[in-house]
Amino acid sequence: MGWRRVLWLLLVFLSPGAARGPDPESTQGPDPDPTADSATEFGTTSQSLVTLAPRLPKQEVQRPSPVTDVSTLCVCDLIAEECDANCCCDPDCSSADVSVFSTCSVHVVKDDDHFCFQKTAIYEMDLQAEPPKRLFQLTDKVNPSLFCLYTLNYKAALSFITPEFPNENDFDNFLKKSDNFARTKELDISHPTILNAPTATKYMYRIPVQTDSDSFLMLPCPLVTIHCTDNNPIGFLMNQNFRCNRRVTLEQCGEDKALSMAHYIQPKIMAEPNSSKKIPITVRGVLLKSLNKTVTYHPQSDVLLQPTFVNISGLKVCTNVVLQLTYSITYTEAGEITKADSHFLLGTISSSMLPLQQQFQVEFLQQNVKSFRVSGNPGYIPGQPLLAGFEKGSRIIQSSNRNRQFTVFYSTDEQNCLLAEGLRKPILFGYNMMTSCKLRLNTTLNCQLVEERLKKLLMGQNFPQYVSSFGNSPVQNLQEWVPVRFFTQTQNRREPCVIPMTFEIKVKWTKYGSLMNPQARINSVTAKLTSNYFSKTELEYDNTMQVSTVVSFVDVSAPAKAGYKARPTIDAKLPSNFFFPFV
């Protein structure tokens, strides 16, 4: 047998027709000569080759049935119960929504690539139509690959099976089933498809939190514009914080449910998906904010305050409007929700505050676990607040709110220092900051009282003693906390009025660790308070002075040097009889 005949036999047996078999749907007819084209090429006797490679007989084969209907799949459908932009397969999109699409973000959705025949859903936009519309076509695509699935002898091969665990009662049956696995073409196991799969019994990450009204717990958020949309399901373990604007008519504010605190605590949360146990949303705190921006605590948090339109001396206002809402949802390690709390900030708004800006937040807390957000792992992340605290024994005591641990003041629109007390914002790592206000000096000024108030304004209620060197330094390890060095500077004059003018905070940090992934580490923190003396004659001029706080971050990293490990030494020892019998 020559090499040409061997090569032709390989071509015959490895051709797609020989590997897959004939198409059962093809029409019956005379078989063409399989060697007609190749005989010309090789120039050998083709009649003997035909007898060596006869056509396979026709047989009924079972093609793999798709596990999932491709016409129902939509990988760009990201928002539940809402139309996603340019998502032509989104079932929530109406014809009016589709008319504003510019293209289809997903054009083709097909079945498993291992099949020889694949169901393919094709989506296109007909932009020439008036109005534009989407076109859908469901076709069968032929896989040109030589190695593809044509016949099916194992139904459950294309998806995962829920494993079965033997026990003392059915161990023998389980053993027989496993022993016969390799020789069985049709496995007699009831394998449910994905469509009939059981629903989740525990909450998992990003699963929407269900309520008793066959819906989900919603958190308003901005969608495309800055205006609020109320169709945003809260995903399990997804901490979120949104700010958005809402159009409000003052005369009808009592009818707008989005302004009422009762609207946000009305639904009851399902402890587990599709369960009968319901968790009510409890109001834990209510703060009231007036028109002059003063905030007071409402002692009766169980009393639901309703938005009310009031006309006070020609000034139209609406009271008890929801400005801020915070959900605190407690869950167990097993994925069960055990408690849901809410905190509200209600305010009085006027026409000058429209459109109304609202803030909504949700946080998840694990039961019996004290969670505390860090500012890096381990190094500080730019834009995260500095972690600070006070020494007590051999550990650090911190505030539970990391945004209130190391702060600076910020002034109001009037730039009045005496009105800015209590307004604080956190110092963010890597961000140089400067904030200032104005103070008018005159003879009626009580210097001692003003000095105390300005010190409290510049340094805060409790100025920290230590700052965390890393973004996640443990409180019990005092060596990883940097002391804040405080200095005061005054002029060498003896005048009756001493006014703090400048508070400068300097943070020196360095890059620590590997050159590939350096970590930000704080080396030192200094705070310097500078005061000026003013005489009585200087107070008579009725001057306006500027009081400021400056925060600066200085990178003191040394130039990085690439280090290399020492060359390995070969410690090879020969056996004692290596040179036997010569030595």
Protein backbone atom coordinates (compact mmCIF):
# COMPACT_ATOMS: atom_id res chain seq x y z
CA MET A 1 0.00 0.00 0.00
CA GLY A 2 1.60 3.24 -1.16
CA TRP A 3 1.75 6.43 0.86
CA ARG A 4 -0.83 8.08 -1.38
CA ARG A 5 -3.40 5.35 -0.60
CA VAL A 6 -2.72 5.66 3.16
CA LEU A 7 -3.18 9.42 2.96
CA TRP A 8 -6.46 9.02 1.11
CA LEU A 9 -7.76 6.59 3.74
CA LEU A 10 -7.02 9.14 6.45
CA LEU A 11 -8.90 11.80 4.52
CA VAL A 12 -11.91 9.55 4.11
CA PHE A 13 -12.16 8.53 7.76
CA LEU A 14 -11.42 12.00 9.16
CA SER A 15 -13.78 13.90 6.86
CA PRO A 16 -16.86 15.58 8.45
CA GLY A 17 -19.16 13.13 6.79
CA ALA A 18 -17.38 10.15 8.25
CA ALA A 19 -16.97 11.64 11.72
CA ARG A 20 -20.48 12.90 12.15
CA GLY A 21 -22.45 10.65 9.90
CA PRO A 22 -25.01 11.73 7.31
CA ASP A 23 -27.67 14.34 7.95
CA PRO A 24 -30.91 12.52 8.80
CA GLU A 25 -32.93 15.35 7.29
CA SER A 26 -31.25 15.23 3.91
CA THR A 27 -33.24 13.92 0.94
CA GLN A 28 -32.61 10.46 -0.45
CA GLY A 29 -30.70 10.33 -3.70
CA PRO A 30 -27.76 8.71 -5.46
CA ASP A 31 -24.56 9.02 -3.48
CA PRO A 32 -21.89 10.98 -5.28
CA ASP A 33 -18.51 9.48 -5.80
CA PRO A 34 -16.44 10.56 -2.80
CA THR A 35 -13.22 10.15 -4.72
CA ALA A 36 -14.11 12.07 -7.82
CA ASP A 37 -12.20 15.24 -6.93
CA SER A 38 -9.32 13.55 -5.17
CA ALA A 39 -8.67 11.06 -7.96
CA THR A 40 -7.69 13.94 -10.22
CA GLU A 41 -5.36 15.28 -7.56
CA PHE A 42 -3.54 12.12 -6.64
CA GLY A 43 -3.83 10.33 -9.97
CA THR A 44 -4.37 6.88 -8.44
CA THR A 45 -6.92 4.14 -8.85
CA SER A 46 -10.05 5.39 -7.16
CA GLN A 47 -12.26 2.33 -7.58
CA SER A 48 -10.38 0.33 -4.99
CA LEU A 49 -10.64 3.21 -2.53
CA VAL A 50 -14.41 3.28 -2.83
CA THR A 51 -14.66 -0.31 -1.72
CA LEU A 52 -12.40 0.38 1.27
CA ALA A 53 -14.48 3.36 2.54
CA PRO A 54 -18.20 2.58 2.05
CA ARG A 55 -20.89 5.09 3.04
CA LEU A 56 -22.28 4.74 6.56
CA PRO A 57 -25.90 3.55 6.70
CA LYS A 58 -28.64 6.04 7.51
CA GLN A 59 -29.62 6.05 11.18
CA GLU A 60 -31.84 8.07 13.44
CA VAL A 61 -29.83 10.31 15.77
CA GLN A 62 -30.95 12.53 18.58
CA ARG A 63 -29.60 16.06 18.50
CA PRO A 64 -28.86 17.79 21.79
CA SER A 65 -31.81 19.82 22.95
CA PRO A 66 -30.80 23.25 24.27
CA VAL A 67 -30.90 23.65 28.04
CA THR A 68 -32.03 27.26 27.74
CA ASP A 69 -34.17 28.99 25.16
CA VAL A 70 -31.89 31.58 23.53
CA SER A 71 -34.87 33.76 22.66
CA THR A 72 -35.42 34.39 26.38
CA LEU A 73 -31.78 35.13 27.22
CA CYS A 74 -30.72 38.78 27.55
CA VAL A 75 -27.23 39.48 28.85
CA CYS A 76 -27.67 43.29 28.71
CA ASP A 77 -30.80 43.32 30.91
CA LEU A 78 -29.13 44.75 34.03
CA ILE A 79 -31.99 46.65 35.73
CA ALA A 80 -35.01 44.71 36.93
CA GLU A 81 -38.41 45.89 35.76
CA GLU A 82 -36.89 48.72 33.70
CA CYS A 83 -35.78 49.19 30.13
CA ASP A 84 -32.02 49.22 29.61
CA ALA A 85 -30.73 51.63 26.99
CA ASN A 86 -29.91 50.01 23.61
CA CYS A 87 -30.80 46.56 24.96
CA CYS A 88 -32.89 45.13 22.14
CA CYS A 89 -33.59 41.84 23.96
CA ASP A 90 -34.90 43.49 27.16
CA PRO A 91 -38.53 42.33 27.61
CA ASP A 92 -39.27 45.47 29.69
CA CYS A 93 -38.67 47.75 26.68
CA SER A 94 -41.81 48.93 24.92
CA SER A 95 -42.01 50.02 21.30
CA ALA A 96 -41.74 53.64 22.43
CA ASP A 97 -38.53 52.85 24.27
CA VAL A 98 -37.10 50.98 21.29
CA SER A 99 -37.85 53.91 18.98
CA VAL A 100 -35.11 55.99 20.66
CA PHE A 101 -32.43 53.26 20.46
CA SER A 102 -29.42 54.06 18.28
CA THR A 103 -28.17 50.49 18.00
CA CYS A 104 -28.36 47.10 19.68
CA SER A 105 -25.70 46.60 22.35
CA VAL A 106 -26.03 42.81 21.94
CA HIS A 107 -26.64 41.64 18.37
CA VAL A 108 -26.31 37.87 18.65
CA VAL A 109 -27.27 35.45 21.40
CA LYS A 110 -26.43 31.84 20.59
CA ASP A 111 -26.46 28.43 22.18
CA ASP A 112 -23.53 26.36 23.36
CA ASP A 113 -20.55 26.45 20.96
CA HIS A 114 -20.04 22.69 21.32
CA PHE A 115 -23.22 21.90 19.33
CA CYS A 116 -23.09 21.16 15.63
CA PHE A 117 -26.43 22.94 15.27
CA GLN A 118 -26.92 26.05 17.42
CA LYS A 119 -30.04 28.09 17.97
CA THR A 120 -29.11 31.73 17.35
CA ALA A 121 -31.16 34.83 18.17
CA ILE A 122 -30.27 37.88 16.04
CA TYR A 123 -31.30 41.41 17.07
CA GLU A 124 -31.04 44.42 14.77
CA MET A 125 -32.43 47.95 14.59
CA ASP A 126 -34.35 49.16 11.58
CA LEU A 127 -33.45 52.85 11.70
CA GLN A 128 -35.10 53.54 8.34
CA ALA A 129 -38.56 52.78 9.71
CA GLU A 130 -40.79 55.47 11.17
CA PRO A 131 -40.58 55.13 14.08
CA PRO A 132 -37.45 52.94 14.31
CA LYS A 133 -38.14 49.38 15.41
CA ARG A 134 -36.17 46.30 16.36
CA LEU A 135 -35.90 43.18 14.19
CA PHE A 136 -35.71 39.71 15.68
CA GLN A 137 -34.74 36.49 13.92
CA LEU A 138 -34.30 33.00 15.33
CA THR A 139 -32.13 30.79 13.13
CA ASP A 140 -30.16 27.54 13.22
CA LYS A 141 -26.43 28.05 12.89
CA VAL A 142 -24.18 25.25 11.65
CA ASN A 143 -20.93 24.82 13.54
CA PRO A 144 -18.07 24.41 11.02
CA SER A 145 -15.85 22.76 13.62
CA LEU A 146 -14.88 19.14 13.04
CA PHE A 147 -15.22 18.24 16.73
CA CYS A 148 -18.77 19.16 17.73
CA LEU A 149 -21.67 17.43 19.45
CA TYR A 150 -23.96 15.81 16.88
CA THR A 151 -25.59 12.95 18.78
CA LEU A 152 -26.72 12.89 22.39
CA ASN A 153 -26.32 9.81 24.59
CA TYR A 154 -26.19 11.54 27.98
CA LYS A 155 -28.94 14.04 28.72
CA ALA A 156 -27.33 15.69 31.75
CA ALA A 157 -23.91 16.25 30.15
CA LEU A 158 -24.47 19.92 29.28
CA SER A 159 -25.27 21.23 32.75
CA PHE A 160 -24.36 20.69 36.36
CA ILE A 161 -26.18 18.10 38.42
CA THR A 162 -27.02 18.56 42.04
CA PRO A 163 -24.86 15.92 43.70
CA GLU A 164 -26.52 13.11 45.59
CA PHE A 165 -25.12 11.96 48.90
CA PRO A 166 -25.59 8.35 49.99
CA ASN A 167 -26.87 7.37 53.40
CA GLU A 168 -27.29 4.10 55.23
CA ASN A 169 -30.64 3.41 53.57
CA ASP A 170 -29.83 3.87 49.88
CA PHE A 171 -26.10 3.19 49.79
CA ASP A 172 -26.51 -0.02 47.75
CA ASN A 173 -28.65 1.70 45.13
CA PHE A 174 -26.22 4.57 44.96
CA LEU A 175 -23.33 2.13 44.45
CA LYS A 176 -25.13 0.31 41.63
CA LYS A 177 -25.94 3.57 39.94
CA SER A 178 -22.34 4.74 40.16
CA ASP A 179 -20.95 1.38 39.04
CA ASN A 180 -23.12 1.38 35.93
CA PHE A 181 -22.31 4.97 35.08
CA ALA A 182 -19.61 4.33 32.50
CA ARG A 183 -21.65 1.74 30.54
CA THR A 184 -24.97 3.55 30.52
CA LYS A 185 -26.03 5.57 27.53
CA GLU A 186 -29.20 6.95 29.07
CA LEU A 187 -28.89 7.81 32.73
CA ASP A 188 -32.16 7.27 34.58
CA ILE A 189 -31.86 10.36 36.72
CA SER A 190 -34.49 13.07 36.78
CA HIS A 191 -32.43 16.15 35.92
CA PRO A 192 -34.43 19.40 36.12
CA THR A 193 -33.61 22.08 33.63
CA ILE A 194 -32.61 25.59 34.55
CA LEU A 195 -36.12 26.85 34.06
CA ASN A 196 -37.46 24.41 36.65
CA ALA A 197 -34.59 24.84 39.10
CA PRO A 198 -35.61 25.53 42.69
CA THR A 199 -35.46 29.15 43.80
CA ALA A 200 -32.90 30.34 46.33
CA THR A 201 -33.83 29.72 49.95
CA LYS A 202 -31.22 32.10 51.36
CA TYR A 203 -30.22 35.58 50.38
CA MET A 204 -27.01 35.77 48.37
CA TYR A 205 -24.96 38.68 47.12
CA ARG A 206 -26.88 41.03 44.80
CA ILE A 207 -30.16 39.14 45.14
CA PRO A 208 -32.93 41.78 45.50
CA VAL A 209 -34.42 42.05 48.97
CA GLN A 210 -38.05 40.88 48.76
CA THR A 211 -41.04 42.47 50.48
CA ASP A 212 -44.50 41.22 51.40
CA SER A 213 -46.12 43.03 48.47
CA ASP A 214 -44.58 40.64 45.89
CA SER A 215 -42.00 43.28 45.08
CA PHE A 216 -38.58 44.42 46.23
CA LEU A 217 -37.32 46.98 48.71
CA MET A 218 -36.50 50.05 46.66
CA LEU A 219 -33.89 52.77 47.15
CA PRO A 220 -34.36 55.90 45.01
CA CYS A 221 -31.36 56.82 42.88
CA PRO A 222 -30.48 58.90 39.81
CA LEU A 223 -30.71 56.93 36.58
CA VAL A 224 -29.78 58.91 33.47
CA THR A 225 -30.20 62.41 34.83
CA ILE A 226 -29.86 63.72 38.37
CA HIS A 227 -33.60 63.28 38.99
CA CYS A 228 -34.74 60.47 41.29
CA THR A 229 -36.16 57.20 40.06
CA ASP A 230 -37.92 54.96 42.58
CA ASN A 231 -37.46 51.64 40.74
CA ASN A 232 -34.07 50.64 42.11
CA PRO A 233 -34.15 47.30 44.00
CA ILE A 234 -31.79 46.98 46.95
CA GLY A 235 -29.36 44.11 46.37
CA PHE A 236 -28.36 41.96 49.33
CA LEU A 237 -24.98 43.00 50.85
CA MET A 238 -24.72 45.96 48.45
CA ASN A 239 -24.05 49.12 50.47
CA GLN A 240 -25.22 52.10 48.43
CA ASN A 241 -25.43 55.87 48.85
CA PHE A 242 -27.27 58.11 46.35
CA ARG A 243 -28.15 61.78 45.98
CA CYS A 244 -30.82 62.86 43.53
CA ASN A 245 -33.23 65.72 42.87
CA ARG A 246 -37.00 65.55 42.95
CA ARG A 247 -39.56 67.91 41.46
CA VAL A 248 -41.97 69.05 44.16
CA THR A 249 -45.10 71.18 44.14
CA LEU A 250 -45.35 72.82 47.56
CA GLU A 251 -49.15 73.07 47.55
CA GLN A 252 -49.41 69.31 46.85
CA CYS A 253 -46.51 68.07 48.96
CA GLY A 254 -48.84 66.17 51.28
CA GLU A 255 -49.97 63.99 48.36
CA ASP A 256 -46.46 63.09 47.20
CA LYS A 257 -45.62 59.73 48.81
CA ALA A 258 -41.92 60.13 48.00
CA LEU A 259 -41.78 62.96 50.59
CA SER A 260 -43.44 60.98 53.39
CA MET A 261 -41.51 58.80 55.84
CA ALA A 262 -44.47 56.40 56.02
CA HIS A 263 -43.86 55.41 52.38
CA TYR A 264 -40.37 54.07 53.15
CA ILE A 265 -41.29 51.99 56.21
CA GLN A 266 -44.60 50.61 54.93
CA PRO A 267 -43.29 47.41 53.26
CA LYS A 268 -42.18 44.46 55.35
CA ILE A 269 -39.02 42.62 54.38
CA MET A 270 -39.02 38.87 53.82
CA ALA A 271 -36.49 37.24 56.15
CA GLU A 272 -35.64 34.77 53.39
CA PRO A 273 -36.60 34.66 49.71
CA ASN A 274 -40.15 33.36 49.25
CA SER A 275 -40.63 32.79 52.98
CA SER A 276 -43.56 33.66 55.23
CA LYS A 277 -41.48 35.33 57.93
CA LYS A 278 -41.76 39.11 57.68
CA ILE A 279 -39.42 41.71 59.19
CA PRO A 280 -40.91 45.19 59.80
CA ILE A 281 -38.86 48.34 59.21
CA THR A 282 -38.43 50.12 62.54
CA VAL A 283 -37.80 53.85 62.85
CA ARG A 284 -34.79 54.31 65.14
CA GLY A 285 -34.25 58.04 64.90
CA VAL A 286 -35.77 61.18 63.43
CA LEU A 287 -33.96 64.52 63.06
CA LEU A 288 -35.76 67.75 62.19
CA LYS A 289 -34.11 70.51 60.16
CA SER A 290 -35.56 74.00 60.07
CA LEU A 291 -35.26 76.71 57.43
CA ASN A 292 -32.32 78.32 59.25
CA LYS A 293 -30.51 74.92 59.06
CA THR A 294 -30.68 74.13 62.77
CA VAL A 295 -31.10 70.42 63.48
CA THR A 296 -33.03 69.05 66.48
CA TYR A 297 -33.82 65.53 67.62
CA HIS A 298 -37.43 64.36 67.55
CA PRO A 299 -37.99 62.33 70.74
CA GLN A 300 -41.07 60.41 69.55
CA SER A 301 -39.64 58.35 66.72
CA ASP A 302 -42.68 56.06 66.67
CA VAL A 303 -44.91 58.96 65.56
CA LEU A 304 -45.04 59.21 61.77
CA LEU A 305 -44.82 62.84 60.67
CA GLN A 306 -46.64 63.69 57.47
CA PRO A 307 -45.63 66.39 54.97
CA THR A 308 -47.80 69.45 55.51
CA PHE A 309 -48.18 72.62 53.45
CA VAL A 310 -48.09 75.78 55.55
CA ASN A 311 -48.42 79.43 54.60
CA ILE A 312 -46.60 81.57 57.17
CA SER A 313 -47.04 85.31 56.58
CA GLY A 314 -46.99 84.86 52.84
CA LEU A 315 -44.07 82.38 52.91
CA LYS A 316 -45.14 79.04 51.45
CA VAL A 317 -43.32 76.11 53.02
CA CYS A 318 -43.77 72.38 53.40
CA THR A 319 -42.81 70.73 56.68
CA ASN A 320 -41.74 67.17 57.58
CA VAL A 321 -40.29 66.42 54.15
CA VAL A 322 -37.86 63.49 53.86
CA LEU A 323 -34.37 64.89 53.16
CA GLN A 324 -32.27 61.88 54.11
CA LEU A 325 -33.04 58.20 54.68
CA THR A 326 -30.71 55.45 55.90
CA TYR A 327 -31.61 51.76 55.99
CA SER A 328 -29.61 49.51 58.35
CA ILE A 329 -30.31 45.85 57.58
CA THR A 330 -28.96 43.17 59.91
CA TYR A 331 -28.36 39.67 58.58
CA THR A 332 -26.98 36.36 59.79
CA GLU A 333 -24.07 34.38 58.40
CA ALA A 334 -26.56 31.98 56.82
CA GLY A 335 -28.08 34.76 54.69
CA GLU A 336 -31.23 35.48 56.73
CA ILE A 337 -32.38 39.03 57.48
CA THR A 338 -33.19 39.48 61.17
CA LYS A 339 -33.71 43.23 61.60
CA ALA A 340 -34.30 46.36 59.53
CA ASP A 341 -33.88 49.87 60.97
CA SER A 342 -34.38 53.29 59.41
CA HIS A 343 -33.11 56.77 60.24
CA PHE A 344 -34.71 59.92 58.83
CA LEU A 345 -33.79 63.57 58.44
CA LEU A 346 -36.98 65.58 57.92
CA GLY A 347 -36.88 69.22 56.95
CA THR A 348 -38.87 72.29 56.04
CA ILE A 349 -38.51 73.43 52.45
CA SER A 350 -39.51 76.57 50.58
CA SER A 351 -39.71 77.45 46.90
CA SER A 352 -36.08 78.65 46.93
CA MET A 353 -34.92 75.09 47.76
CA LEU A 354 -36.55 73.50 44.72
CA PRO A 355 -35.82 71.14 43.07
CA LEU A 356 -35.46 69.19 46.29
CA GLN A 357 -32.25 67.22 46.85
CA GLN A 358 -32.67 63.93 48.74
CA GLN A 359 -30.09 61.46 50.00
CA PHE A 360 -30.73 57.72 50.36
CA GLN A 361 -28.40 55.14 51.89
CA VAL A 362 -28.49 51.43 52.74
CA GLU A 363 -25.95 49.47 54.79
CA PHE A 364 -25.81 45.80 55.72
CA LEU A 365 -24.56 44.74 59.14
CA GLN A 366 -23.77 41.16 60.12
CA GLN A 367 -25.32 39.98 63.35
CA ASN A 368 -23.00 39.74 66.38
CA VAL A 369 -20.14 41.21 64.34
CA LYS A 370 -18.89 44.75 64.91
CA SER A 371 -18.12 45.98 61.42
CA PHE A 372 -15.91 49.00 60.87
CA ARG A 373 -14.95 50.38 57.49
CA VAL A 374 -11.24 50.83 56.91
CA SER A 375 -9.50 53.33 54.62
CA GLY A 376 -7.16 50.88 52.93
CA ASN A 377 -5.79 47.36 53.02
CA PRO A 378 -3.17 47.89 54.20
CA GLY A 379 -2.08 51.25 52.74
CA TYR A 380 -4.33 54.29 52.59
CA ILE A 381 -6.44 54.74 49.48
CA PRO A 382 -6.53 58.33 48.12
CA GLY A 383 -9.81 59.99 48.97
CA GLN A 384 -10.51 57.87 52.07
CA PRO A 385 -10.74 59.60 55.49
CA LEU A 386 -7.88 59.48 57.96
CA LEU A 387 -8.44 57.11 60.88
CA ALA A 388 -7.72 58.71 64.27
CA GLY A 389 -8.46 58.16 67.94
CA PHE A 390 -7.36 58.51 71.54
CA GLU A 391 -5.08 56.40 73.69
CA LYS A 392 -6.67 54.46 76.51
CA GLY A 393 -4.41 52.00 78.23
CA SER A 394 -2.66 49.96 75.57
CA ARG A 395 -5.22 50.44 72.78
CA ILE A 396 -6.86 53.14 70.68
CA ILE A 397 -10.43 54.33 71.17
CA GLN A 398 -12.15 55.44 67.95
CA SER A 399 -15.46 56.97 66.96
CA SER A 400 -17.81 54.54 65.24
CA ASN A 401 -18.15 57.03 62.36
CA ARG A 402 -14.83 57.25 60.55
CA ASN A 403 -15.92 60.50 58.88
CA ARG A 404 -15.91 62.20 62.29
CA GLN A 405 -12.52 61.05 63.59
CA PHE A 406 -10.21 63.71 62.08
CA THR A 407 -12.07 66.68 60.64
CA VAL A 408 -11.80 70.34 59.68
CA PHE A 409 -14.50 72.98 59.70
CA TYR A 410 -16.29 74.37 56.68
CA SER A 411 -18.08 77.69 56.71
CA THR A 412 -21.54 78.70 55.61
CA ASP A 413 -22.42 80.93 52.69
CA GLU A 414 -22.17 83.95 54.98
CA GLN A 415 -18.51 83.10 55.79
CA ASN A 416 -19.13 83.95 59.44
CA CYS A 417 -16.76 82.12 61.79
CA LEU A 418 -19.11 82.39 64.74
CA LEU A 419 -21.84 80.53 62.80
CA ALA A 420 -19.64 77.73 61.42
CA GLU A 421 -19.19 75.84 64.69
CA GLY A 422 -20.35 72.23 64.39
CA LEU A 423 -20.01 72.06 60.60
CA ARG A 424 -17.22 69.52 59.97
CA LYS A 425 -15.91 67.45 57.09
CA PRO A 426 -13.32 64.65 57.16
CA ILE A 427 -9.68 64.99 56.12
CA LEU A 428 -9.22 62.80 53.06
CA PHE A 429 -5.90 61.10 52.43
CA GLY A 430 -3.86 62.69 49.64
CA TYR A 431 -6.16 65.72 49.27
CA ASN A 432 -4.70 69.11 50.19
CA MET A 433 -7.44 71.22 51.71
CA MET A 434 -7.99 74.81 52.76
CA THR A 435 -11.08 76.23 54.41
CA SER A 436 -11.59 79.70 55.85
CA CYS A 437 -14.11 82.09 57.36
CA LYS A 438 -14.25 85.75 58.32
CA LEU A 439 -14.23 87.42 61.75
CA ARG A 440 -15.01 91.07 62.36
CA LEU A 441 -12.90 92.73 65.08
CA ASN A 442 -14.31 95.65 67.06
CA THR A 443 -14.24 97.06 70.57
CA THR A 444 -17.38 95.18 71.60
CA LEU A 445 -15.70 91.85 70.96
CA ASN A 446 -15.25 89.54 73.97
CA CYS A 447 -11.74 88.33 73.19
CA GLN A 448 -11.66 85.50 75.71
CA LEU A 449 -14.95 84.07 74.51
CA VAL A 450 -13.98 84.46 70.85
CA GLU A 451 -10.64 82.74 71.48
CA GLU A 452 -12.34 79.70 73.01
CA ARG A 453 -14.89 79.46 70.22
CA LEU A 454 -12.27 79.78 67.48
CA LYS A 455 -10.10 77.09 69.06
CA LYS A 456 -13.09 74.79 69.18
CA LEU A 457 -13.89 75.74 65.57
CA LEU A 458 -10.37 75.02 64.28
CA MET A 459 -9.57 71.92 66.33
CA GLY A 460 -13.04 70.44 66.73
CA GLN A 461 -14.79 69.17 69.82
CA ASN A 462 -12.23 66.37 70.42
CA PHE A 463 -8.91 66.75 68.65
CA PRO A 464 -7.36 63.26 68.13
CA GLN A 465 -4.13 62.14 69.75
CA TYR A 466 -3.15 59.38 67.28
CA VAL A 467 -3.54 58.74 63.56
CA SER A 468 -3.44 55.28 61.99
CA SER A 469 -0.23 54.73 60.01
CA PHE A 470 -2.01 52.31 57.66
CA GLY A 471 -5.60 52.27 56.47
CA ASN A 472 -6.40 49.18 58.53
CA SER A 473 -4.15 49.41 61.62
CA PRO A 474 -5.64 47.38 64.51
CA VAL A 475 -6.59 49.41 67.57
CA GLN A 476 -4.85 46.99 69.95
CA ASN A 477 -1.47 47.52 68.24
CA LEU A 478 -0.36 50.93 69.49
CA GLN A 479 2.89 50.75 67.53
CA GLU A 480 1.02 51.14 64.25
CA TRP A 481 -0.47 54.48 65.32
CA VAL A 482 1.35 57.79 64.82
CA PRO A 483 1.06 60.47 67.54
CA VAL A 484 -0.20 63.89 66.49
CA ARG A 485 2.38 66.51 67.49
CA PHE A 486 0.67 69.77 68.44
CA PHE A 487 2.43 73.15 68.47
CA THR A 488 1.29 76.70 69.22
CA GLN A 489 2.88 79.85 67.89
CA THR A 490 2.20 83.40 69.14
CA GLN A 491 3.85 86.75 68.73
CA ASN A 492 6.06 88.17 71.49
CA ARG A 493 3.61 90.85 72.45
CA ARG A 494 1.51 91.38 75.49
CA GLU A 495 -1.83 92.62 74.27
CA PRO A 496 -5.26 92.08 75.80
CA CYS A 497 -6.77 90.23 72.81
CA VAL A 498 -5.43 86.93 71.47
CA ILE A 499 -7.18 85.53 68.37
CA PRO A 500 -6.30 82.14 66.73
CA MET A 501 -5.88 82.85 63.03
CA THR A 502 -4.33 79.81 61.33
CA PHE A 503 -4.43 76.08 61.99
CA GLU A 504 -1.99 74.10 59.84
CA ILE A 505 -2.03 70.28 59.63
CA LYS A 506 0.85 68.58 57.82
CA VAL A 507 0.80 64.86 57.06
CA LYS A 508 4.02 63.20 55.91
CA TRP A 509 3.63 59.86 54.22
CA THR A 510 5.76 57.41 52.28
CA LYS A 511 5.39 54.53 49.86
CA TYR A 512 5.93 51.23 51.63
CA GLY A 513 6.43 47.72 50.33
CA SER A 514 6.92 46.33 46.84
CA LEU A 515 7.68 48.45 43.79
CA MET A 516 4.88 46.67 41.93
CA ASN A 517 2.22 47.55 44.52
CA PRO A 518 3.44 50.25 46.94
CA GLN A 519 1.28 50.98 49.98
CA ALA A 520 0.73 54.46 51.43
CA ARG A 521 1.92 54.75 55.02
CA ILE A 522 1.76 57.83 57.27
CA ASN A 523 5.03 58.65 59.00
CA SER A 524 4.17 61.77 61.03
CA VAL A 525 1.36 64.24 61.65
CA THR A 526 1.93 67.76 62.98
CA ALA A 527 -0.64 70.43 63.88
CA LYS A 528 0.34 74.06 64.48
CA LEU A 529 -2.01 76.72 65.83
CA THR A 530 -0.93 80.30 65.11
CA SER A 531 -2.49 83.17 67.10
CA ASN A 532 -2.20 86.94 66.69
CA TYR A 533 -2.32 89.64 69.34
CA PHE A 534 -4.52 92.70 68.86
CA SER A 535 -4.38 95.89 70.88
CA LYS A 536 -7.32 98.08 71.76
CA THR A 537 -6.38 100.59 69.08
CA GLU A 538 -6.35 97.83 66.46
CA LEU A 539 -9.80 96.75 67.54
CA GLU A 540 -11.15 100.24 66.99
CA TYR A 541 -10.48 100.07 63.24
CA ASP A 542 -13.33 97.56 62.82
CA ASN A 543 -11.24 95.22 60.64
CA THR A 544 -12.32 91.92 59.14
CA MET A 545 -9.82 89.09 59.62
CA GLN A 546 -9.62 85.71 57.90
CA VAL A 547 -9.41 82.52 59.97
CA SER A 548 -8.27 79.47 58.02
CA THR A 549 -7.30 75.80 58.26
CA VAL A 550 -4.74 74.31 55.89
CA VAL A 551 -4.17 70.57 55.39
CA SER A 552 -1.19 69.43 53.31
CA PHE A 553 0.13 65.97 52.43
CA VAL A 554 3.87 65.64 51.81
CA ASP A 555 5.39 62.59 50.10
CA VAL A 556 8.70 61.84 51.80
CA SER A 557 9.39 58.56 50.00
CA ALA A 558 13.03 57.82 49.30
CA PRO A 559 13.99 56.97 45.71
CA ALA A 560 13.10 53.36 45.10
CA LYS A 561 15.92 50.95 44.40
CA ALA A 562 15.35 47.63 42.75
CA GLY A 563 16.64 44.82 44.93
CA TYR A 564 17.66 41.39 43.78
CA LYS A 565 18.09 38.23 45.75
CA ALA A 566 21.52 36.69 46.15
CA ARG A 567 22.55 34.04 43.69
CA PRO A 568 21.68 30.57 44.96
CA THR A 569 24.57 28.44 46.07
CA ILE A 570 24.77 24.80 45.09
CA ASP A 571 25.49 22.69 48.14
CA ALA A 572 26.29 19.40 46.42
CA LYS A 573 27.97 16.60 48.32
CA LEU A 574 29.25 13.42 46.69
CA PRO A 575 28.55 10.06 48.35
CA SER A 576 31.41 8.55 50.35
CA ASN A 577 31.95 5.68 47.90
CA PHE A 578 31.76 7.78 44.74
CA PHE A 579 35.40 7.06 43.71
CA PHE A 580 35.30 3.38 44.76
CA PRO A 581 37.36 1.25 44.02
CA PHE A 582 39.98 3.82 42.96
CA VAL A 583 40.15 5.53 46.34
